Amino acid sequence: MLVADYDIVFQEVPNETSLALNISDCPHHCPGCHSMYLWQPVGDVLTEEWLQQKLARYPYLTCVSIQGGDRDYHEVERLARWIKQHGLKSCWYTGFARLPEDLQYGCFDFIKVGPYIEHMGGLRSPSTNQRFYRVEQDGSLYDLTELFWKNSYA
């Protein structure tokens, strides 16, 4: 998996200070995508060492959000387990319409699922097809999508 870039963000995961990793080589190619540069395989190889360096640089983080990685979601799972072992919450933003049946999503604290459909809007739009879930301890998904609509004018 390649990480094209990263940023410290406050909106992608409610109530968390997150390191958002933008994973390249996205297979979805959604019309209207705001991150078309992520369609190509570009960036640094995402390893535990690379991630550990970022976590050491930003000790105030509470979560790591993996934005993409759909081509190798088992690697995303593995990284999520590593993240949780290091005391942080993990989130996965996926463009899959439905979560893969063999996904072990208990390793995540949050999951955003759904491709971007331009006329429906992203998470901030009440008409969005995308959903943002908190993963409960029993493995069920609790829909938090409405939290993104609070200050929306869409």
Protein backbone atom coordinates (compact mmCIF):
# COMPACT_ATOMS: atom_id res chain seq x y z
CA MET A 1 0.00 0.00 0.00
CA LEU A 2 1.20 3.47 -0.85
CA VAL A 3 0.46 6.61 1.14
CA ALA A 4 0.35 9.58 -1.23
CA ASP A 5 0.17 12.15 1.56
CA TYR A 6 -1.13 12.72 5.05
CA ASP A 7 -2.51 15.48 7.24
CA ILE A 8 -3.64 16.14 10.80
CA VAL A 9 -7.42 16.48 10.65
CA PHE A 10 -10.29 17.21 13.01
CA GLN A 11 -13.41 16.62 10.88
CA GLU A 12 -13.02 13.15 9.37
CA VAL A 13 -13.57 11.38 12.71
CA PRO A 14 -15.84 13.25 15.15
CA ASN A 15 -14.22 14.18 18.47
CA GLU A 16 -10.82 12.82 17.42
CA THR A 17 -7.52 14.39 16.39
CA SER A 18 -6.58 12.14 13.50
CA LEU A 19 -3.66 11.39 11.29
CA ALA A 20 -5.39 10.97 7.91
CA LEU A 21 -3.42 8.79 5.51
CA ASN A 22 -4.43 9.21 1.86
CA ILE A 23 -3.81 5.85 0.21
CA SER A 24 -3.25 5.87 -3.56
CA ASP A 25 -4.21 3.40 -6.31
CA CYS A 26 -7.95 3.75 -5.67
CA PRO A 27 -9.91 1.24 -7.76
CA HIS A 28 -13.25 3.10 -7.66
CA HIS A 29 -12.64 6.17 -9.87
CA CYS A 30 -15.88 7.84 -8.75
CA PRO A 31 -17.16 10.53 -11.14
CA GLY A 32 -16.68 13.93 -9.51
CA CYS A 33 -13.93 12.63 -7.21
CA HIS A 34 -12.08 15.48 -5.44
CA SER A 35 -8.91 13.37 -5.11
CA MET A 36 -8.28 12.05 -8.62
CA TYR A 37 -4.54 12.10 -7.93
CA LEU A 38 -5.18 9.07 -5.69
CA TRP A 39 -6.28 6.98 -8.68
CA GLN A 40 -2.61 6.36 -9.58
CA PRO A 41 -0.17 4.31 -7.46
CA VAL A 42 1.98 7.11 -6.01
CA GLY A 43 3.68 7.78 -2.71
CA ASP A 44 5.66 6.05 0.00
CA VAL A 45 5.23 2.43 1.05
CA LEU A 46 3.13 2.44 4.22
CA THR A 47 5.03 0.42 6.83
CA GLU A 48 4.86 0.25 10.60
CA GLU A 49 8.18 2.11 10.73
CA TRP A 50 6.83 4.93 8.55
CA LEU A 51 3.72 5.15 10.68
CA GLN A 52 5.69 5.00 13.95
CA GLN A 53 7.76 8.01 12.82
CA LYS A 54 4.59 10.03 12.21
CA LEU A 55 3.05 8.99 15.53
CA ALA A 56 6.22 10.01 17.38
CA ARG A 57 6.18 13.39 15.62
CA TYR A 58 2.54 14.05 16.59
CA PRO A 59 2.06 12.69 20.13
CA TYR A 60 -1.32 14.43 20.59
CA LEU A 61 -3.09 12.19 18.05
CA THR A 62 -6.02 10.06 19.19
CA CYS A 63 -6.83 8.27 15.93
CA VAL A 64 -5.36 7.16 12.62
CA SER A 65 -7.73 7.33 9.66
CA ILE A 66 -6.83 5.27 6.63
CA GLN A 67 -8.45 6.96 3.64
CA GLY A 68 -8.64 4.27 0.97
CA GLY A 69 -6.63 1.09 0.62
CA ASP A 70 -9.54 -0.77 -0.94
CA ARG A 71 -7.27 -2.78 -3.27
CA ASP A 72 -5.75 -4.51 -0.23
CA TYR A 73 -8.27 -4.24 2.59
CA HIS A 74 -6.63 -7.12 4.47
CA GLU A 75 -3.53 -4.92 4.76
CA VAL A 76 -5.78 -2.12 6.03
CA GLU A 77 -7.09 -4.55 8.68
CA ARG A 78 -3.56 -5.50 9.69
CA LEU A 79 -2.55 -1.85 10.05
CA ALA A 80 -5.69 -1.12 12.07
CA ARG A 81 -4.75 -3.84 14.54
CA TRP A 82 -1.23 -2.40 14.79
CA ILE A 83 -2.67 1.09 15.37
CA LYS A 84 -4.93 -0.16 18.18
CA GLN A 85 -2.02 -2.05 19.76
CA HIS A 86 -0.26 1.32 19.95
CA GLY A 87 -3.10 2.88 21.94
CA LEU A 88 -4.86 4.84 19.19
CA LYS A 89 -8.26 4.50 17.60
CA SER A 90 -8.46 3.38 14.01
CA CYS A 91 -10.77 4.47 11.21
CA TRP A 92 -11.16 3.33 7.62
CA TYR A 93 -12.69 5.40 4.85
CA THR A 94 -13.63 2.97 2.08
CA GLY A 95 -15.33 3.51 -1.25
CA PHE A 96 -16.91 0.07 -1.22
CA ALA A 97 -20.72 0.20 -1.44
CA ARG A 98 -20.83 -2.61 1.14
CA LEU A 99 -18.17 -3.93 3.45
CA PRO A 100 -16.46 -7.09 2.19
CA GLU A 101 -17.95 -10.21 3.79
CA ASP A 102 -14.57 -11.44 5.03
CA LEU A 103 -13.58 -8.11 6.59
CA GLN A 104 -12.80 -8.37 10.29
CA TYR A 105 -14.11 -4.91 11.14
CA GLY A 106 -13.75 -5.38 14.88
CA CYS A 107 -10.19 -4.09 14.46
CA PHE A 108 -11.62 -0.66 13.60
CA ASP A 109 -13.23 1.89 15.87
CA PHE A 110 -14.87 3.72 12.96
CA ILE A 111 -15.66 2.92 9.34
CA LYS A 112 -16.96 5.19 6.57
CA VAL A 113 -18.47 3.17 3.74
CA GLY A 114 -19.80 4.16 0.35
CA PRO A 115 -18.55 5.45 -2.98
CA TYR A 116 -18.80 9.14 -3.75
CA ILE A 117 -21.91 9.79 -5.85
CA GLU A 118 -21.71 13.40 -6.95
CA HIS A 119 -25.45 14.21 -7.05
CA MET A 120 -25.90 12.72 -3.54
CA GLY A 121 -22.94 14.54 -2.02
CA GLY A 122 -20.40 13.47 0.56
CA LEU A 123 -20.83 12.87 4.29
CA ARG A 124 -21.86 16.48 4.95
CA SER A 125 -24.91 16.16 2.71
CA PRO A 126 -28.12 14.76 4.27
CA SER A 127 -28.84 13.08 0.91
CA THR A 128 -25.53 11.17 0.88
CA ASN A 129 -25.34 7.45 0.23
CA GLN A 130 -22.21 7.28 2.41
CA ARG A 131 -22.40 6.14 6.02
CA PHE A 132 -20.05 6.71 8.94
CA TYR A 133 -20.19 4.06 11.67
CA ARG A 134 -18.74 3.54 15.10
CA VAL A 135 -17.86 -0.13 15.54
CA GLU A 136 -19.33 -1.34 18.83
CA GLN A 137 -17.61 -3.89 21.08
CA ASP A 138 -20.07 -6.58 20.01
CA GLY A 139 -19.14 -5.95 16.36
CA SER A 140 -22.31 -4.13 15.45
CA LEU A 141 -22.20 -0.83 13.57
CA TYR A 142 -23.72 2.32 15.05
CA ASP A 143 -24.55 4.96 12.45
CA LEU A 144 -23.04 8.37 13.29
CA THR A 145 -23.54 9.92 9.84
CA GLU A 146 -25.88 12.63 11.15
CA LEU A 147 -22.99 14.14 13.13
CA PHE A 148 -21.58 15.39 9.82
CA TRP A 149 -24.82 17.24 9.01
CA LYS A 150 -24.78 19.51 12.08
CA ASN A 151 -23.38 22.56 10.30
CA SER A 152 -24.25 21.54 6.77
CA TYR A 153 -26.02 23.84 4.38
CA ALA A 154 -26.24 21.24 1.62
